[in-house]
Amino acid sequence: MSQSEIPTVLIGKKPLMNYVFACLTTLQGGARQLLVKARGRAISRAVDVVQILQRRFYKDLKVADIKLGTQELMGPNNQPVSISTIEILLKRES
């Protein structure tokens, strides 16, 4: 399965459980893999989502890969701003 075919949940500013339920819906729909993406301040929320999924809902959910990166965006006054990114690939074992 290529990276573009893996279901993806983008983490932002909404409440934490909104993203947990989005992930649960995807996994209950039969997906064996799930990609959780976040950038900037949402990175800690993405990690929290993964931890909640593993501890409360899916004991067989494993972190298969973590990719860290940086995106260049235009900030105020057209100044380039570097923003950290994370991609967490989750796989179900059973």
N, C-alpha and C. Protein backbone atom coordinates (compact mmCIF):
# COMPACT_ATOMS: atom_id res chain seq x y z
N MET A 1 0.85 -1.18 0.00
CA MET A 1 0.00 0.00 0.00
C MET A 1 0.89 1.23 0.00
N SER A 2 0.71 2.10 -0.97
CA SER A 2 1.55 3.29 -1.04
C SER A 2 1.09 4.33 -0.01
N GLN A 3 1.94 5.28 0.25
CA GLN A 3 1.67 6.31 1.25
C GLN A 3 0.37 7.05 0.96
N SER A 4 0.04 7.27 -0.32
CA SER A 4 -1.16 8.03 -0.66
C SER A 4 -2.44 7.22 -0.45
N GLU A 5 -2.35 5.88 -0.36
CA GLU A 5 -3.53 5.03 -0.17
C GLU A 5 -3.85 4.79 1.30
N ILE A 6 -2.95 5.13 2.18
CA ILE A 6 -3.16 4.91 3.61
C ILE A 6 -4.10 6.00 4.13
N PRO A 7 -5.17 5.61 4.84
CA PRO A 7 -6.07 6.62 5.41
C PRO A 7 -5.29 7.55 6.35
N THR A 8 -5.59 8.84 6.28
CA THR A 8 -4.84 9.84 7.03
C THR A 8 -5.77 10.69 7.87
N VAL A 9 -5.35 10.95 9.11
CA VAL A 9 -6.06 11.88 9.98
C VAL A 9 -5.11 13.05 10.26
N LEU A 10 -5.57 14.25 9.90
CA LEU A 10 -4.78 15.46 10.13
C LEU A 10 -5.20 16.08 11.45
N ILE A 11 -4.24 16.29 12.33
CA ILE A 11 -4.52 16.82 13.66
C ILE A 11 -4.38 18.34 13.63
N GLY A 12 -5.36 19.00 14.24
CA GLY A 12 -5.35 20.47 14.28
C GLY A 12 -5.73 20.98 15.66
N LYS A 13 -6.65 21.95 15.70
CA LYS A 13 -6.99 22.64 16.95
C LYS A 13 -8.27 22.15 17.63
N LYS A 14 -8.95 21.20 17.02
CA LYS A 14 -10.20 20.71 17.60
C LYS A 14 -9.91 19.93 18.88
N PRO A 15 -10.95 19.64 19.66
CA PRO A 15 -10.75 18.84 20.88
C PRO A 15 -10.15 17.47 20.57
N LEU A 16 -9.36 16.99 21.48
CA LEU A 16 -8.61 15.75 21.34
C LEU A 16 -9.49 14.57 20.92
N MET A 17 -10.62 14.41 21.56
CA MET A 17 -11.46 13.24 21.30
C MET A 17 -12.07 13.26 19.90
N ASN A 18 -12.19 14.42 19.27
CA ASN A 18 -12.65 14.46 17.88
C ASN A 18 -11.72 13.65 16.99
N TYR A 19 -10.42 13.79 17.21
CA TYR A 19 -9.42 13.09 16.40
C TYR A 19 -9.37 11.60 16.76
N VAL A 20 -9.56 11.29 18.04
CA VAL A 20 -9.61 9.89 18.46
C VAL A 20 -10.78 9.19 17.77
N PHE A 21 -11.94 9.84 17.75
CA PHE A 21 -13.11 9.23 17.11
C PHE A 21 -12.92 9.12 15.60
N ALA A 22 -12.25 10.08 14.99
CA ALA A 22 -11.96 9.99 13.55
C ALA A 22 -11.08 8.77 13.27
N CYS A 23 -10.09 8.55 14.11
CA CYS A 23 -9.21 7.38 13.96
C CYS A 23 -9.98 6.09 14.20
N LEU A 24 -10.80 6.07 15.23
CA LEU A 24 -11.59 4.88 15.54
C LEU A 24 -12.52 4.52 14.38
N THR A 25 -13.15 5.52 13.80
CA THR A 25 -14.05 5.29 12.67
C THR A 25 -13.30 4.66 11.51
N THR A 26 -12.10 5.16 11.23
CA THR A 26 -11.29 4.63 10.15
C THR A 26 -10.87 3.19 10.44
N LEU A 27 -10.41 2.93 11.65
CA LEU A 27 -9.96 1.59 12.01
C LEU A 27 -11.12 0.60 12.04
N GLN A 28 -12.28 1.02 12.51
CA GLN A 28 -13.44 0.12 12.56
C GLN A 28 -14.01 -0.13 11.18
N GLY A 29 -13.65 0.72 10.22
CA GLY A 29 -14.07 0.52 8.84
C GLY A 29 -13.24 -0.53 8.12
N GLY A 30 -12.29 -1.13 8.83
CA GLY A 30 -11.51 -2.21 8.26
C GLY A 30 -10.08 -1.86 7.88
N ALA A 31 -9.67 -0.62 8.12
CA ALA A 31 -8.30 -0.21 7.79
C ALA A 31 -7.31 -0.93 8.70
N ARG A 32 -6.23 -1.43 8.13
CA ARG A 32 -5.18 -2.08 8.91
C ARG A 32 -4.07 -1.11 9.26
N GLN A 33 -4.02 0.03 8.54
CA GLN A 33 -3.00 1.05 8.77
C GLN A 33 -3.69 2.40 8.86
N LEU A 34 -3.04 3.33 9.56
CA LEU A 34 -3.56 4.68 9.70
C LEU A 34 -2.38 5.62 9.86
N LEU A 35 -2.44 6.75 9.17
CA LEU A 35 -1.38 7.76 9.25
C LEU A 35 -1.93 8.96 9.99
N VAL A 36 -1.27 9.34 11.07
CA VAL A 36 -1.65 10.51 11.85
C VAL A 36 -0.62 11.60 11.58
N LYS A 37 -1.08 12.75 11.07
CA LYS A 37 -0.17 13.84 10.72
C LYS A 37 -0.49 15.08 11.53
N ALA A 38 0.56 15.81 11.90
CA ALA A 38 0.38 17.08 12.61
C ALA A 38 1.59 17.96 12.37
N ARG A 39 1.40 19.25 12.65
CA ARG A 39 2.54 20.17 12.57
C ARG A 39 2.41 21.23 13.65
N GLY A 40 3.54 21.78 14.02
CA GLY A 40 3.56 22.84 15.01
C GLY A 40 3.08 22.39 16.37
N ARG A 41 2.23 23.22 16.96
CA ARG A 41 1.74 22.95 18.32
C ARG A 41 0.82 21.74 18.39
N ALA A 42 0.34 21.28 17.26
CA ALA A 42 -0.57 20.12 17.24
C ALA A 42 0.19 18.80 17.37
N ILE A 43 1.51 18.82 17.33
CA ILE A 43 2.29 17.59 17.42
C ILE A 43 2.01 16.87 18.74
N SER A 44 1.96 17.60 19.83
CA SER A 44 1.70 16.95 21.12
C SER A 44 0.31 16.34 21.16
N ARG A 45 -0.66 16.98 20.50
CA ARG A 45 -2.02 16.44 20.42
C ARG A 45 -2.03 15.14 19.62
N ALA A 46 -1.23 15.08 18.56
CA ALA A 46 -1.15 13.86 17.74
C ALA A 46 -0.60 12.70 18.58
N VAL A 47 0.42 12.97 19.37
CA VAL A 47 0.99 11.94 20.24
C VAL A 47 -0.04 11.49 21.26
N ASP A 48 -0.81 12.43 21.81
CA ASP A 48 -1.87 12.08 22.76
C ASP A 48 -2.93 11.19 22.11
N VAL A 49 -3.31 11.50 20.87
CA VAL A 49 -4.30 10.70 20.15
C VAL A 49 -3.82 9.26 20.01
N VAL A 50 -2.57 9.10 19.61
CA VAL A 50 -2.00 7.75 19.43
C VAL A 50 -1.98 7.01 20.77
N GLN A 51 -1.59 7.69 21.83
CA GLN A 51 -1.54 7.05 23.14
C GLN A 51 -2.92 6.60 23.61
N ILE A 52 -3.93 7.43 23.39
CA ILE A 52 -5.30 7.06 23.78
C ILE A 52 -5.77 5.87 22.97
N LEU A 53 -5.50 5.87 21.66
CA LEU A 53 -5.90 4.74 20.82
C LEU A 53 -5.27 3.44 21.31
N GLN A 54 -3.99 3.49 21.65
CA GLN A 54 -3.28 2.28 22.07
C GLN A 54 -3.71 1.81 23.46
N ARG A 55 -3.91 2.72 24.38
CA ARG A 55 -4.19 2.32 25.76
C ARG A 55 -5.65 1.98 26.01
N ARG A 56 -6.58 2.69 25.37
CA ARG A 56 -7.99 2.49 25.67
C ARG A 56 -8.72 1.60 24.67
N PHE A 57 -8.33 1.65 23.41
CA PHE A 57 -9.17 1.03 22.39
C PHE A 57 -8.52 -0.15 21.67
N TYR A 58 -7.27 -0.04 21.28
CA TYR A 58 -6.62 -1.09 20.49
C TYR A 58 -5.28 -1.46 21.12
N LYS A 59 -5.28 -2.55 21.86
CA LYS A 59 -4.04 -3.03 22.46
C LYS A 59 -3.07 -3.55 21.40
N ASP A 60 -3.60 -3.94 20.22
CA ASP A 60 -2.76 -4.49 19.16
C ASP A 60 -2.29 -3.42 18.16
N LEU A 61 -2.55 -2.16 18.45
CA LEU A 61 -2.13 -1.06 17.56
C LEU A 61 -0.68 -0.69 17.86
N LYS A 62 0.16 -0.78 16.84
CA LYS A 62 1.60 -0.52 17.01
C LYS A 62 2.03 0.65 16.15
N VAL A 63 3.01 1.38 16.66
CA VAL A 63 3.62 2.46 15.87
C VAL A 63 4.63 1.80 14.93
N ALA A 64 4.34 1.84 13.62
CA ALA A 64 5.21 1.21 12.64
C ALA A 64 6.33 2.14 12.19
N ASP A 65 6.05 3.45 12.16
CA ASP A 65 7.05 4.40 11.67
C ASP A 65 6.70 5.79 12.16
N ILE A 66 7.72 6.59 12.41
CA ILE A 66 7.55 8.00 12.76
C ILE A 66 8.48 8.81 11.87
N LYS A 67 7.92 9.80 11.18
CA LYS A 67 8.74 10.67 10.35
C LYS A 67 8.64 12.10 10.88
N LEU A 68 9.79 12.72 11.06
CA LEU A 68 9.85 14.10 11.50
C LEU A 68 10.34 14.95 10.35
N GLY A 69 9.86 16.17 10.27
CA GLY A 69 10.29 17.04 9.20
C GLY A 69 10.03 18.49 9.52
N THR A 70 10.28 19.34 8.53
CA THR A 70 10.08 20.77 8.65
C THR A 70 9.43 21.30 7.38
N GLN A 71 8.46 22.18 7.54
CA GLN A 71 7.84 22.85 6.40
C GLN A 71 8.17 24.34 6.47
N GLU A 72 8.43 24.90 5.31
CA GLU A 72 8.66 26.34 5.22
C GLU A 72 7.35 27.01 4.82
N LEU A 73 6.84 27.89 5.66
CA LEU A 73 5.61 28.63 5.37
C LEU A 73 5.90 30.12 5.45
N MET A 74 5.01 30.91 4.86
CA MET A 74 5.14 32.37 4.95
C MET A 74 4.41 32.85 6.18
N GLY A 75 5.12 33.52 7.04
CA GLY A 75 4.55 34.05 8.27
C GLY A 75 4.14 35.50 8.08
N PRO A 76 3.96 36.22 9.16
CA PRO A 76 3.60 37.63 9.06
C PRO A 76 4.71 38.42 8.36
N ASN A 77 4.33 39.44 7.64
CA ASN A 77 5.28 40.28 6.89
C ASN A 77 6.04 39.50 5.83
N ASN A 78 5.43 38.40 5.33
CA ASN A 78 6.04 37.57 4.29
C ASN A 78 7.42 37.04 4.67
N GLN A 79 7.62 36.80 5.94
CA GLN A 79 8.88 36.22 6.41
C GLN A 79 8.73 34.70 6.40
N PRO A 80 9.72 33.97 5.89
CA PRO A 80 9.62 32.51 5.94
C PRO A 80 9.72 32.00 7.37
N VAL A 81 8.85 31.03 7.68
CA VAL A 81 8.81 30.45 9.02
C VAL A 81 8.92 28.94 8.89
N SER A 82 9.79 28.33 9.69
CA SER A 82 9.93 26.88 9.70
C SER A 82 9.01 26.28 10.75
N ILE A 83 8.23 25.28 10.34
CA ILE A 83 7.30 24.62 11.25
C ILE A 83 7.60 23.13 11.26
N SER A 84 7.75 22.57 12.44
CA SER A 84 8.02 21.14 12.59
C SER A 84 6.79 20.32 12.22
N THR A 85 7.02 19.13 11.65
CA THR A 85 5.93 18.23 11.28
C THR A 85 6.22 16.83 11.80
N ILE A 86 5.16 16.05 11.97
CA ILE A 86 5.30 14.66 12.38
C ILE A 86 4.27 13.82 11.63
N GLU A 87 4.68 12.62 11.24
CA GLU A 87 3.78 11.63 10.64
C GLU A 87 3.98 10.33 11.41
N ILE A 88 2.90 9.82 11.98
CA ILE A 88 2.97 8.59 12.77
C ILE A 88 2.15 7.53 12.03
N LEU A 89 2.82 6.47 11.60
CA LEU A 89 2.14 5.37 10.91
C LEU A 89 1.79 4.29 11.93
N LEU A 90 0.50 3.98 12.01
CA LEU A 90 0.01 2.96 12.93
C LEU A 90 -0.43 1.73 12.16
N LYS A 91 -0.16 0.55 12.73
CA LYS A 91 -0.58 -0.71 12.10
C LYS A 91 -1.22 -1.58 13.17
N ARG A 92 -2.28 -2.29 12.75
CA ARG A 92 -2.91 -3.28 13.62
C ARG A 92 -2.28 -4.62 13.38
N GLU A 93 -1.94 -5.30 14.44
CA GLU A 93 -1.23 -6.58 14.36
C GLU A 93 -2.14 -7.74 14.03
N SER A 94 -3.31 -7.80 14.67
CA SER A 94 -4.17 -8.98 14.51
C SER A 94 -5.03 -8.91 13.28
